[in-house]
Amino acid sequence: MPDGLVSAAEANRDFSKMLRDVEGGARITITKDGKPVAVLSPADASMNLDRSSAHRRMMVMLAEGLPLGFCGGVDRDDVHSR
């Protein structure tokens, strides 16, 4: 399947083939009622690196914890009072 347009029904039916084509560099626009609604295109390698870097930073933040500036207890009634 070369670059081009496919209907949502065709995309649903031939998704595995479309993925193979996209792996090969194709860019496919999916339409619904003749109007473009999505584009299936190869993932950008730099995007994966950015995502990986962001994930590492997030994991460091989770491990260290974030300072909340809270010093005091809260009981159930405090949480549910308005």
C-alpha atoms as a PDB file:
ATOM      1  CA  MET A   1       0.000   0.000   0.000  1.00  0.00           C
ATOM      2  CA  PRO A   2       1.754   3.194  -1.105  1.00  0.00           C
ATOM      3  CA  ASP A   3       1.303   6.590   0.506  1.00  0.00           C
ATOM      4  CA  GLY A   4      -2.290   7.604   0.188  1.00  0.00           C
ATOM      5  CA  LEU A   5      -5.803   7.554   1.534  1.00  0.00           C
ATOM      6  CA  VAL A   6      -7.684   4.612   3.029  1.00  0.00           C
ATOM      7  CA  SER A   7     -11.136   4.486   4.559  1.00  0.00           C
ATOM      8  CA  ALA A   8     -11.574   3.652   8.242  1.00  0.00           C
ATOM      9  CA  ALA A   9     -13.205   0.360   7.235  1.00  0.00           C
ATOM     10  CA  GLU A  10     -10.228  -0.553   5.029  1.00  0.00           C
ATOM     11  CA  ALA A  11      -7.794   0.491   7.777  1.00  0.00           C
ATOM     12  CA  ASN A  12      -9.617  -1.763  10.225  1.00  0.00           C
ATOM     13  CA  ARG A  13      -9.561  -4.680   7.800  1.00  0.00           C
ATOM     14  CA  ASP A  14      -5.937  -4.293   6.639  1.00  0.00           C
ATOM     15  CA  PHE A  15      -4.213  -2.773   9.679  1.00  0.00           C
ATOM     16  CA  SER A  16      -1.377  -5.340   9.797  1.00  0.00           C
ATOM     17  CA  LYS A  17      -0.526  -4.673   6.150  1.00  0.00           C
ATOM     18  CA  MET A  18      -0.679  -0.929   6.760  1.00  0.00           C
ATOM     19  CA  LEU A  19       1.788  -1.270   9.656  1.00  0.00           C
ATOM     20  CA  ARG A  20       4.204  -3.177   7.437  1.00  0.00           C
ATOM     21  CA  ASP A  21       3.933  -0.454   4.804  1.00  0.00           C
ATOM     22  CA  VAL A  22       4.515   2.274   7.396  1.00  0.00           C
ATOM     23  CA  GLU A  23       7.553   0.385   8.697  1.00  0.00           C
ATOM     24  CA  GLY A  24       8.830   0.677   5.142  1.00  0.00           C
ATOM     25  CA  GLY A  25       8.364   4.449   5.184  1.00  0.00           C
ATOM     26  CA  ALA A  26       4.817   4.890   3.836  1.00  0.00           C
ATOM     27  CA  ARG A  27       2.522   7.567   5.215  1.00  0.00           C
ATOM     28  CA  ILE A  28      -1.185   6.721   5.176  1.00  0.00           C
ATOM     29  CA  THR A  29      -4.127   9.061   5.769  1.00  0.00           C
ATOM     30  CA  ILE A  30      -7.228   7.391   7.192  1.00  0.00           C
ATOM     31  CA  THR A  31     -10.576   8.873   6.232  1.00  0.00           C
ATOM     32  CA  LYS A  32     -14.099   8.668   7.614  1.00  0.00           C
ATOM     33  CA  ASP A  33     -16.959   9.679   5.359  1.00  0.00           C
ATOM     34  CA  GLY A  34     -14.342  10.951   2.898  1.00  0.00           C
ATOM     35  CA  LYS A  35     -12.726  13.321   5.422  1.00  0.00           C
ATOM     36  CA  PRO A  36      -9.191  12.818   6.797  1.00  0.00           C
ATOM     37  CA  VAL A  37      -9.266  11.888  10.493  1.00  0.00           C
ATOM     38  CA  ALA A  38      -5.834  10.354  11.196  1.00  0.00           C
ATOM     39  CA  VAL A  39      -2.388   9.867   9.728  1.00  0.00           C
ATOM     40  CA  LEU A  40      -0.369   6.697  10.185  1.00  0.00           C
ATOM     41  CA  SER A  41       3.310   7.474   9.699  1.00  0.00           C
ATOM     42  CA  PRO A  42       6.691   6.077  10.748  1.00  0.00           C
ATOM     43  CA  ALA A  43       7.789   6.957  14.263  1.00  0.00           C
ATOM     44  CA  ASP A  44      10.598   9.493  14.420  1.00  0.00           C
ATOM     45  CA  ALA A  45      13.691   7.997  16.078  1.00  0.00           C
ATOM     46  CA  SER A  46      14.463  11.310  17.816  1.00  0.00           C
ATOM     47  CA  MET A  47      10.961  11.279  19.305  1.00  0.00           C
ATOM     48  CA  ASN A  48      11.753   7.927  20.919  1.00  0.00           C
ATOM     49  CA  LEU A  49      14.955   9.376  22.394  1.00  0.00           C
ATOM     50  CA  ASP A  50      13.075  12.393  23.777  1.00  0.00           C
ATOM     51  CA  ARG A  51      10.438  10.126  25.272  1.00  0.00           C
ATOM     52  CA  SER A  52      13.101   7.879  26.798  1.00  0.00           C
ATOM     53  CA  SER A  53      14.891  10.882  28.303  1.00  0.00           C
ATOM     54  CA  ALA A  54      11.638  12.232  29.740  1.00  0.00           C
ATOM     55  CA  HIS A  55      10.878   8.826  31.229  1.00  0.00           C
ATOM     56  CA  ARG A  56      14.282   8.698  32.946  1.00  0.00           C
ATOM     57  CA  ARG A  57      13.772  12.190  34.415  1.00  0.00           C
ATOM     58  CA  MET A  58      10.320  11.236  35.652  1.00  0.00           C
ATOM     59  CA  MET A  59      11.655   8.081  37.322  1.00  0.00           C
ATOM     60  CA  VAL A  60      14.330  10.123  39.138  1.00  0.00           C
ATOM     61  CA  MET A  61      11.665  12.552  40.365  1.00  0.00           C
ATOM     62  CA  LEU A  62       9.505   9.666  41.567  1.00  0.00           C
ATOM     63  CA  ALA A  63      12.434   8.080  43.398  1.00  0.00           C
ATOM     64  CA  GLU A  64      13.417  11.350  45.095  1.00  0.00           C
ATOM     65  CA  GLY A  65       9.882  12.468  45.816  1.00  0.00           C
ATOM     66  CA  LEU A  66       8.611  15.997  45.474  1.00  0.00           C
ATOM     67  CA  PRO A  67       8.669  18.435  48.385  1.00  0.00           C
ATOM     68  CA  LEU A  68       5.084  19.255  49.233  1.00  0.00           C
ATOM     69  CA  GLY A  69       5.791  21.738  52.018  1.00  0.00           C
ATOM     70  CA  PHE A  70       3.258  19.959  54.208  1.00  0.00           C
ATOM     71  CA  CYS A  71       3.960  19.423  57.876  1.00  0.00           C
ATOM     72  CA  GLY A  72       0.998  18.248  59.829  1.00  0.00           C
ATOM     73  CA  GLY A  73      -1.431  15.425  60.096  1.00  0.00           C
ATOM     74  CA  VAL A  74      -4.709  15.048  58.326  1.00  0.00           C
ATOM     75  CA  ASP A  75      -7.474  12.834  59.520  1.00  0.00           C
ATOM     76  CA  ARG A  76     -10.407  11.463  57.576  1.00  0.00           C
ATOM     77  CA  ASP A  77     -12.836  14.099  58.842  1.00  0.00           C
ATOM     78  CA  ASP A  78     -10.513  16.910  57.667  1.00  0.00           C
ATOM     79  CA  VAL A  79     -10.363  15.402  54.208  1.00  0.00           C
ATOM     80  CA  HIS A  80     -14.144  15.099  53.894  1.00  0.00           C
ATOM     81  CA  SER A  81     -15.127  18.413  55.481  1.00  0.00           C
ATOM     82  CA  ARG A  82     -16.213  21.203  53.170  1.00  0.00           C
END
